[in-house]
Protein backbone atom coordinates (compact mmCIF):
# COMPACT_ATOMS: atom_id res chain seq x y z
CA MET A 1 -54.70 192.21 -84.70
CA HIS A 2 -58.12 192.79 -83.23
CA SER A 3 -59.63 192.33 -86.66
CA PHE A 4 -57.76 188.87 -87.07
CA PHE A 5 -59.28 187.65 -83.84
CA GLN A 6 -62.69 188.73 -84.88
CA ILE A 7 -62.38 186.94 -88.07
CA PHE A 8 -60.93 183.86 -86.37
CA ASN A 9 -63.89 183.74 -83.90
CA VAL A 10 -66.34 184.02 -86.84
CA TRP A 11 -64.79 181.00 -88.55
CA LEU A 12 -64.72 179.09 -85.33
CA LEU A 13 -68.51 179.70 -85.07
CA ALA A 14 -69.07 178.77 -88.76
CA LEU A 15 -67.01 175.63 -88.40
CA ARG A 16 -68.83 174.60 -85.25
CA ALA A 17 -65.56 174.06 -83.52
CA TYR A 18 -67.37 173.49 -80.25
CA SER A 19 -68.20 169.94 -81.53
CA LEU A 20 -64.45 169.00 -81.85
CA PRO A 21 -64.15 167.53 -78.30
CA ILE A 22 -66.14 164.51 -79.54
CA SER A 23 -63.64 163.96 -82.29
CA ILE A 24 -60.66 164.46 -79.96
CA MET A 25 -62.06 162.13 -77.37
CA SER A 26 -62.76 159.44 -79.95
CA TRP A 27 -59.24 159.78 -81.23
CA PHE A 28 -57.52 159.71 -77.80
CA VAL A 29 -58.70 156.08 -76.92
CA PRO A 30 -57.14 154.37 -79.93
CA PHE A 31 -54.05 156.61 -79.70
CA LEU A 32 -53.65 155.41 -76.09
CA PHE A 33 -53.91 151.87 -77.27
CA GLY A 34 -51.25 152.56 -79.95
CA LEU A 35 -48.88 153.99 -77.35
CA PHE A 36 -48.98 150.77 -75.47
CA GLN A 37 -48.36 148.85 -78.63
CA LYS A 38 -45.27 151.08 -79.14
CA GLY A 39 -47.02 152.75 -82.21
CA ASN A 40 -45.79 155.78 -84.09
CA ILE A 41 -46.74 158.81 -81.98
CA PHE A 42 -46.03 161.17 -84.84
CA TYR A 43 -48.39 159.31 -87.04
CA GLY A 44 -51.04 159.39 -84.35
CA ILE A 45 -50.82 163.07 -84.21
CA ILE A 46 -51.00 163.41 -88.09
CA SER A 47 -54.19 161.27 -87.96
CA LEU A 48 -55.62 163.62 -85.37
CA ILE A 49 -55.10 166.55 -87.78
CA GLY A 50 -56.78 164.60 -90.56
CA ILE A 51 -59.70 163.74 -88.26
CA ILE A 52 -60.15 167.34 -87.21
CA THR A 53 -60.03 168.78 -90.84
CA LEU A 54 -62.42 166.14 -92.04
CA HIS A 55 -64.81 166.87 -89.16
CA LEU A 56 -64.74 170.62 -89.69
CA ALA A 57 -65.08 170.22 -93.45
CA THR A 58 -68.15 168.14 -93.02
CA ASN A 59 -69.71 170.66 -90.53
CA LEU A 60 -69.16 173.52 -93.06
CA PHE A 61 -70.19 171.47 -96.13
CA ASP A 62 -73.44 170.35 -94.28
CA ASP A 63 -74.30 173.95 -93.52
CA ALA A 64 -73.59 175.11 -97.04
CA ILE A 65 -75.74 172.43 -98.53
CA ASP A 66 -78.52 173.12 -96.09
CA TYR A 67 -78.48 176.85 -96.90
CA THR A 68 -78.38 176.14 -100.73
CA ARG A 69 -81.33 173.76 -100.37
CA GLU A 70 -83.27 176.45 -98.31
CA MET A 71 -82.62 179.15 -100.84
CA LYS A 72 -83.84 176.92 -103.75
CA GLN A 73 -87.15 176.17 -101.83
CA ILE A 74 -87.53 180.02 -101.39
CA GLU A 75 -86.92 180.64 -105.07
CA LYS A 76 -89.57 177.96 -106.06
CA GLY A 77 -92.07 179.49 -103.59
CA ILE A 78 -92.12 176.38 -101.46
CA LYS A 79 -91.05 178.51 -98.49
CA LYS A 80 -91.40 182.20 -97.74
CA GLU A 81 -88.26 182.58 -95.61
CA ILE A 82 -85.31 180.70 -94.06
CA ASN A 83 -86.15 178.88 -90.97
CA PHE A 84 -83.16 177.30 -89.26
CA GLN A 85 -82.56 176.35 -85.75
CA GLU A 86 -80.71 179.00 -83.59
CA GLY A 87 -77.06 179.13 -84.69
CA LYS A 88 -77.53 177.20 -87.94
CA CYS A 89 -75.66 179.08 -90.78
CA SER A 90 -75.70 182.15 -88.46
CA CYS A 91 -72.49 183.55 -90.12
CA ILE A 92 -74.18 183.63 -93.57
CA LEU A 93 -77.56 184.92 -92.25
CA GLU A 94 -75.72 187.74 -90.40
CA GLY A 95 -73.61 188.62 -93.43
CA LYS A 96 -70.37 187.85 -91.72
CA LEU A 97 -69.45 185.23 -94.33
CA ASN A 98 -70.93 184.16 -97.72
CA LEU A 99 -71.77 180.77 -99.39
CA LYS A 100 -68.77 180.85 -101.64
CA GLN A 101 -66.46 181.03 -98.59
CA TYR A 102 -68.24 178.16 -96.92
CA TYR A 103 -67.76 175.98 -100.07
CA PHE A 104 -64.17 177.13 -100.61
CA VAL A 105 -63.03 176.53 -96.98
CA SER A 106 -64.82 173.16 -96.81
CA PHE A 107 -62.97 172.19 -99.94
CA LEU A 108 -59.71 173.30 -98.63
CA LEU A 109 -60.19 171.25 -95.38
CA PHE A 110 -61.33 168.20 -97.36
CA SER A 111 -58.11 168.54 -99.39
CA ILE A 112 -55.94 168.54 -96.32
CA SER A 113 -57.52 165.40 -94.97
CA LEU A 114 -57.15 163.81 -98.45
CA ILE A 115 -53.48 164.63 -98.51
CA ILE A 116 -53.08 163.05 -95.02
CA ALA A 117 -55.05 159.94 -96.32
CA ILE A 118 -52.80 159.68 -99.43
CA PHE A 119 -49.74 159.89 -97.17
CA PHE A 120 -50.91 156.97 -94.99
CA ILE A 121 -51.93 154.92 -97.94
CA SER A 122 -48.41 155.41 -99.44
CA LEU A 123 -47.06 153.95 -96.11
CA TYR A 124 -49.47 151.07 -95.62
CA GLY A 125 -50.92 150.26 -98.93
CA LYS A 126 -54.51 149.39 -99.88
CA ASP A 127 -55.49 147.84 -96.53
CA LEU A 128 -56.04 151.31 -95.13
CA LEU A 129 -58.53 152.09 -98.05
CA TYR A 130 -61.12 149.95 -96.22
CA ILE A 131 -61.20 152.76 -93.53
CA ILE A 132 -60.47 155.88 -95.57
CA VAL A 133 -62.87 155.39 -98.46
CA PRO A 134 -65.87 154.66 -96.45
CA SER A 135 -65.17 157.56 -94.02
CA ALA A 136 -64.86 159.98 -97.00
CA ILE A 137 -67.96 158.75 -98.73
CA LEU A 138 -70.05 159.02 -95.47
CA CYS A 139 -68.77 162.55 -94.72
CA ILE A 140 -69.68 163.81 -98.15
CA LEU A 141 -73.08 162.21 -98.14
CA TYR A 142 -73.85 163.30 -94.61
CA PRO A 143 -75.92 166.29 -95.59
CA LEU A 144 -78.15 164.00 -97.82
CA LEU A 145 -78.32 161.06 -95.39
CA GLY A 146 -78.95 163.46 -92.48
CA CYS A 147 -82.20 164.56 -94.33
CA LEU A 148 -83.28 160.99 -94.35
CA GLY A 149 -82.96 160.52 -90.56
CA LEU A 150 -79.74 158.72 -90.91
CA GLY A 151 -77.37 161.34 -89.38
CA GLU A 152 -76.97 159.56 -86.07
CA LEU A 153 -76.13 156.24 -87.66
CA ILE A 154 -73.51 158.01 -89.84
CA VAL A 155 -71.93 159.53 -86.79
CA ALA A 156 -71.91 156.13 -85.05
CA ILE A 157 -70.01 154.50 -88.01
CA ILE A 158 -67.55 157.38 -88.43
CA PHE A 159 -66.79 158.14 -84.79
CA SER A 160 -66.54 154.53 -83.69
CA PRO A 161 -65.26 151.59 -85.76
CA LEU A 162 -63.79 153.62 -88.69
CA LEU A 163 -62.02 156.29 -86.55
CA TYR A 164 -60.86 153.86 -83.95
CA LEU A 165 -59.52 151.28 -86.31
CA GLY A 166 -58.01 153.98 -88.58
CA VAL A 167 -56.02 155.74 -85.78
CA PHE A 168 -54.78 152.49 -84.44
CA TYR A 169 -53.71 151.17 -87.78
CA THR A 170 -51.85 154.44 -88.79
CA MET A 171 -49.82 154.02 -85.55
CA CYS A 172 -49.27 150.31 -85.56
CA GLY A 173 -49.88 148.91 -89.04
CA PHE A 174 -52.46 146.35 -87.99
CA TYR A 175 -56.01 146.05 -86.81
CA SER A 176 -57.23 145.22 -83.19
CA LEU A 177 -60.39 143.40 -82.08
CA GLU A 178 -60.05 144.99 -78.70
CA ILE A 179 -60.22 148.44 -80.24
CA LEU A 180 -63.23 147.39 -82.34
CA LEU A 181 -65.26 146.17 -79.45
CA ILE A 182 -64.59 149.32 -77.34
CA SER A 183 -65.53 151.47 -80.39
CA PHE A 184 -68.97 150.15 -80.45
CA SER A 185 -69.73 151.49 -76.99
CA THR A 186 -68.28 154.87 -77.48
CA GLY A 187 -69.86 155.02 -80.91
CA LEU A 188 -73.30 154.29 -79.41
CA LEU A 189 -72.80 157.09 -76.81
CA SER A 190 -71.84 159.49 -79.61
CA VAL A 191 -75.18 158.69 -81.25
CA ALA A 192 -76.84 159.22 -77.85
CA VAL A 193 -75.37 162.80 -77.80
CA LEU A 194 -76.96 163.64 -81.11
CA HIS A 195 -80.22 161.74 -80.44
CA ASN A 196 -80.57 163.61 -77.17
CA HIS A 197 -80.09 166.91 -78.88
CA MET A 198 -82.69 166.09 -81.45
CA LEU A 199 -85.00 165.09 -78.59
CA LEU A 200 -84.66 168.52 -77.14
CA ASP A 201 -85.50 169.97 -80.52
CA PHE A 202 -88.34 167.50 -81.19
CA LYS A 203 -91.19 170.04 -81.35
CA TYR A 204 -89.16 172.39 -83.50
CA ASP A 205 -88.22 169.67 -85.97
CA GLU A 206 -91.95 168.42 -86.01
CA GLU A 207 -93.19 171.94 -86.86
CA ASN A 208 -90.66 172.21 -89.67
CA ARG A 209 -91.26 168.58 -90.85
CA LYS A 210 -87.52 167.82 -90.38
CA ILE A 211 -86.80 164.14 -90.57
CA THR A 212 -84.54 162.81 -87.75
CA LEU A 213 -84.23 159.63 -85.98
CA CYS A 214 -86.32 161.07 -83.10
CA ARG A 215 -89.07 162.09 -85.55
CA LEU A 216 -89.14 158.59 -86.86
CA CYS A 217 -89.93 157.38 -83.34
CA LYS A 218 -93.22 159.38 -83.76
CA THR A 219 -93.39 160.59 -80.10
CA GLU A 220 -91.01 162.08 -77.54
CA ARG A 221 -91.58 159.15 -75.21
CA ASN A 222 -90.68 156.62 -77.97
CA ALA A 223 -87.57 158.69 -78.68
CA LEU A 224 -86.57 158.66 -75.05
CA LEU A 225 -86.94 154.91 -74.91
CA LEU A 226 -84.73 154.60 -77.99
CA LEU A 227 -82.12 156.80 -76.20
CA ILE A 228 -82.13 154.60 -73.13
CA PHE A 229 -81.84 151.52 -75.39
CA ILE A 230 -78.82 153.03 -77.20
CA ILE A 231 -77.09 153.90 -73.94
CA SER A 232 -77.91 150.49 -72.48
CA LEU A 233 -76.34 148.75 -75.55
CA ALA A 234 -73.08 150.64 -74.82
CA TYR A 235 -72.82 149.11 -71.31
CA ILE A 236 -74.07 145.72 -72.36
CA ASN A 237 -71.33 145.57 -75.15
CA ILE A 238 -68.65 146.23 -72.51
CA ILE A 239 -70.05 143.63 -70.10
CA LEU A 240 -70.35 140.97 -72.84
CA SER A 241 -66.84 141.68 -74.13
CA VAL A 242 -65.43 141.14 -70.63
CA PHE A 243 -67.50 138.06 -70.13
CA ILE A 244 -66.14 136.42 -73.26
CA LYS A 245 -62.66 137.54 -72.19
CA GLU A 246 -61.97 139.78 -75.15
CA LEU A 247 -61.63 142.81 -72.77
CA SER A 248 -59.97 142.91 -69.48
CA PRO A 249 -62.24 143.04 -66.37
CA TYR A 250 -60.83 146.62 -65.70
CA PHE A 251 -63.21 147.87 -68.40
CA LEU A 252 -66.05 147.28 -66.01
CA ILE A 253 -65.16 150.49 -64.36
CA THR A 254 -67.06 152.19 -67.11
CA LEU A 255 -70.13 151.15 -65.10
CA LEU A 256 -69.20 154.02 -62.73
CA SER A 257 -70.69 156.35 -65.32
CA LEU A 258 -74.13 154.74 -64.83
CA PRO A 259 -75.32 157.37 -62.31
CA THR A 260 -74.82 160.03 -65.03
CA ALA A 261 -76.88 157.97 -67.42
CA ILE A 262 -79.64 157.74 -64.87
CA MET A 263 -79.57 161.49 -64.18
CA LEU A 264 -79.84 161.98 -68.00
CA TYR A 265 -82.99 159.67 -68.00
CA LYS A 266 -84.61 161.44 -65.12
CA THR A 267 -83.94 164.85 -66.56
CA MET A 268 -85.29 163.96 -69.96
CA VAL A 269 -88.44 162.47 -68.34
CA ILE A 270 -88.96 165.89 -66.74
CA HIS A 271 -88.35 167.54 -70.12
CA ILE A 272 -91.04 165.55 -71.75
CA ASN A 273 -93.61 165.94 -68.95
CA ASN A 274 -92.90 169.46 -67.96
CA PRO A 275 -90.23 171.26 -70.07
CA GLN A 276 -90.54 174.52 -68.01
CA GLU A 277 -89.61 172.87 -64.77
CA GLU A 278 -86.26 174.12 -63.46
CA VAL A 279 -83.57 171.52 -63.64
CA LYS A 280 -81.77 170.90 -60.33
CA THR A 281 -78.13 169.89 -60.89
CA ASN A 282 -76.13 167.48 -58.80
CA PHE A 283 -72.63 165.81 -58.70
CA PHE A 284 -73.64 162.89 -60.93
CA MET A 285 -74.57 165.09 -63.81
CA GLY A 286 -70.99 166.22 -64.28
CA ASN A 287 -69.95 169.72 -65.14
CA THR A 288 -73.07 171.73 -65.80
CA LYS A 289 -71.92 175.26 -65.02
CA ILE A 290 -73.77 177.83 -67.08
CA LYS A 291 -73.12 181.51 -67.55
CA HIS A 292 -75.42 183.75 -65.38
CA ASN A 293 -76.64 185.88 -68.24
CA VAL A 294 -79.00 183.38 -69.69
CA THR A 295 -82.68 182.88 -69.32
CA ARG A 296 -84.24 180.06 -67.42
CA GLU A 297 -85.29 178.38 -70.47
CA GLN A 298 -81.77 178.57 -72.03
CA ARG A 299 -80.27 177.30 -68.76
CA ASN A 300 -82.59 174.28 -68.73
CA PHE A 301 -81.82 173.40 -72.38
CA LEU A 302 -78.06 173.81 -71.81
CA ILE A 303 -77.98 171.59 -68.78
CA LYS A 304 -79.98 168.86 -70.62
CA PHE A 305 -77.50 169.08 -73.45
CA LEU A 306 -74.44 169.07 -71.21
CA ILE A 307 -75.42 166.00 -69.17
CA VAL A 308 -75.34 163.58 -72.21
CA ARG A 309 -71.94 165.12 -73.34
CA ASN A 310 -70.66 164.69 -69.77
CA LEU A 311 -71.78 160.92 -69.96
CA LEU A 312 -69.71 160.47 -73.12
CA SER A 313 -66.72 162.26 -71.51
CA ILE A 314 -66.82 160.38 -68.31
CA PHE A 315 -67.29 157.01 -70.15
CA THR A 316 -64.34 157.71 -72.37
CA LEU A 317 -62.14 158.76 -69.48
CA LEU A 318 -63.04 155.53 -67.72
CA ILE A 319 -62.18 153.66 -70.86
CA CYS A 320 -58.71 155.42 -70.89
CA ILE A 321 -58.18 154.50 -67.26
CA ALA A 322 -59.08 150.91 -67.95
CA VAL A 323 -56.68 150.75 -70.90
CA VAL A 324 -53.84 151.85 -68.71
CA LEU A 325 -54.70 149.49 -65.90
CA SER A 326 -55.04 146.55 -68.22
CA LYS A 327 -51.68 147.26 -69.79
CA ILE A 328 -49.58 147.91 -66.68
CA LEU A 329 -51.06 145.51 -64.18
C-alpha cells in the first residue's frame, strides 16, 4: 500500500496535477449556467472528466516532447547537458519514470478524452465538432506552438471560449452568447496566470533563449505593461457587456477583485526593481500561506505566483455569485 501511494504521488507530480484547479474553475462556471438552464448534470460531470484527462495528457505530452527535443540537441552537440526549470521533467531526470511511460500514459489519457468526445458527438451531431476538433488540435500542437511564444494564446483559446461553450453545449444542446462573453474575461485572466509566471522566470528564459510571450516583449517592464493590459481587458469586457445589456448588472461585482489585481501590479513592480526585497502580504492578496521550511527567495517567488492565481480564483468565484444572483433575482 505504501508503494502504491509513492507511485501515485510520482504520477501526480509528473502530470502536474497542481495545475488542475484552473481547469476545474473554468469548467464550473458554464456548469453552473447549465444547471440554471436545466441542463444534464451527468453530461456536465462527464465533460469535466474529459477536460481533466485532456489537460493532464497535454501536460505529460508537452514534457515528453521537451525532453525528447533536449536529448536530440545533446546528441547533436548543440548542448552539453539538460537545462530545465526546476520541476520540469523531474520524474524522468530523477529516474522515477521513463520517457516511454510518459508517452504511453499521455496516449492513454488522450484516448479517454477522445472516447468522451465521440460519446457527445454521437448525442449531438456535427455541431459539437466546432469545439472538439480545434481543442484537440491545439492541445496536440501546444508543445510546438509554446516554443514559438504562443503558449499563453493557446491557453486563452482552450480555457475560455472552447471550454465554456463546450461544457454548456454538452449539458444543454445549444450555445450561449452570455457564456461566450464571460469566457473572454476568465480566459484573459488564465493567460495572466501564465504570463505572470513567465515574467517571474524572465531572466532564466533569457539566459536559455527560450521564446515566450514575455521574451517577445523584450524587457520585464514591457512584459509587466502587457500583463496589466491583459488583466484590464478582462474587466473592460465585463463592463462593456453589462453596458450593452448582454450581461446582468450583477456581473459588475467582479470589480471587487480589483484590489487583488492592484496588489499583483505593486508586487511585480517590486520584483522588477528589487527582486530580493521581502514581499509583505495583506488581505487583498488572497491566500498566500507558505510552508515555513522554504528560503526567503522561494517564499517571495511563491507569493508572487499565488497572487495571480488568487486573482483568477476570486474573479471566477464572483462570476459564479453573479450567475446565481442574475438567475434567482
